[in-house]
Amino acid sequence: MNAKLKLRRIGNSLGLIVPKELSDQLHVKEGDTLHAIVDPEGGVRLTPFDPQFEAAMAAFERTRRKYRNALKELAK
C-alpha cells in the first residue's frame, strides 16, 4: 500500500498525518508510538514494533534455552 503522509507543524516540531487506512493496517491508534527505520539507501520504513526490543527478546530466548535447567532450579 502506498500512502501520502502530510507534515503539519505541532508547536516547534513537525508531525505526520497518517491516513485511517494505513493506521488500520498497522493496527495503531492515537497515542501509539511508530518507529522510523532508515535503510542504507535513504528510504524510511514505519513500524509499530521497536526493533531494539525485538533484538533484546531474541537474545533473551537464546539465553533462556541455554540456561533452562538453571532457571528451573532458581524458580524452586
Protein backbone atom coordinates (compact mmCIF):
# COMPACT_ATOMS: atom_id res chain seq x y z
CA MET A 1 0.00 0.00 0.00
CA ASN A 2 1.28 3.46 -0.86
CA ALA A 3 0.02 6.31 1.28
CA LYS A 4 0.57 10.03 1.13
CA LEU A 5 1.58 11.39 4.54
CA LYS A 6 1.20 15.08 5.29
CA LEU A 7 3.55 17.05 7.57
CA ARG A 8 1.96 19.56 9.94
CA ARG A 9 3.53 21.96 12.41
CA ILE A 10 2.86 20.98 16.02
CA GLY A 11 4.46 23.57 18.28
CA ASN A 12 8.16 23.70 17.35
CA SER A 13 8.04 20.22 15.79
CA LEU A 14 6.58 18.59 12.70
CA GLY A 15 4.02 15.79 12.86
CA LEU A 16 2.83 13.27 10.28
CA ILE A 17 -0.83 12.85 9.44
CA VAL A 18 -1.43 9.12 8.90
CA PRO A 19 -4.48 8.14 6.82
CA LYS A 20 -7.06 5.90 8.53
CA GLU A 21 -6.42 3.04 6.09
CA LEU A 22 -2.73 2.99 6.99
CA SER A 23 -3.37 3.21 10.74
CA ASP A 24 -5.83 0.31 10.43
CA GLN A 25 -3.26 -1.74 8.52
CA LEU A 26 -0.57 -1.02 11.15
CA HIS A 27 -3.08 -1.66 13.98
CA VAL A 28 -2.20 1.65 15.67
CA LYS A 29 -4.34 4.32 17.29
CA GLU A 30 -3.87 7.82 18.62
CA GLY A 31 -1.10 7.94 21.21
CA ASP A 32 0.72 4.83 19.93
CA THR A 33 4.41 5.09 19.00
CA LEU A 34 5.69 4.37 15.50
CA HIS A 35 9.36 3.66 14.85
CA ALA A 36 11.02 5.05 11.72
CA ILE A 37 13.77 2.79 10.39
CA VAL A 38 16.09 4.37 7.80
CA ASP A 39 17.65 1.92 5.35
CA PRO A 40 21.10 2.45 3.77
CA GLU A 41 19.56 3.83 0.55
CA GLY A 42 17.82 6.61 2.49
CA GLY A 43 14.34 5.08 2.46
CA VAL A 44 12.22 5.08 5.61
CA ARG A 45 10.04 2.29 6.98
CA LEU A 46 7.39 2.98 9.65
CA THR A 47 6.60 0.17 12.05
CA PRO A 48 4.76 -0.08 15.38
CA PHE A 49 7.39 -2.59 16.58
CA ASP A 50 10.57 -1.49 18.34
CA PRO A 51 13.49 -3.25 16.59
CA GLN A 52 15.70 -2.92 19.69
CA PHE A 53 13.05 -4.64 21.81
CA GLU A 54 12.78 -7.46 19.26
CA ALA A 55 16.57 -7.93 19.34
CA ALA A 56 16.52 -7.99 23.15
CA MET A 57 13.74 -10.60 23.14
CA ALA A 58 15.69 -12.76 20.67
CA ALA A 59 18.75 -12.57 22.95
CA PHE A 60 16.57 -13.50 25.95
CA GLU A 61 15.20 -16.53 24.07
CA ARG A 62 18.73 -17.77 23.33
CA THR A 63 19.71 -17.30 26.98
CA ARG A 64 16.52 -18.91 28.26
CA ARG A 65 17.12 -22.03 26.16
CA LYS A 66 20.79 -22.24 27.12
CA TYR A 67 20.17 -21.90 30.88
CA ARG A 68 16.78 -23.63 31.02
CA ASN A 69 17.78 -26.08 33.76
CA ALA A 70 19.46 -23.42 35.92
CA LEU A 71 16.44 -21.14 35.62
CA LYS A 72 14.17 -24.03 36.58
CA GLU A 73 16.22 -24.67 39.73
CA LEU A 74 16.23 -20.98 40.66
CA ALA A 75 12.45 -20.87 40.35
CA LYS A 76 12.02 -23.53 43.07
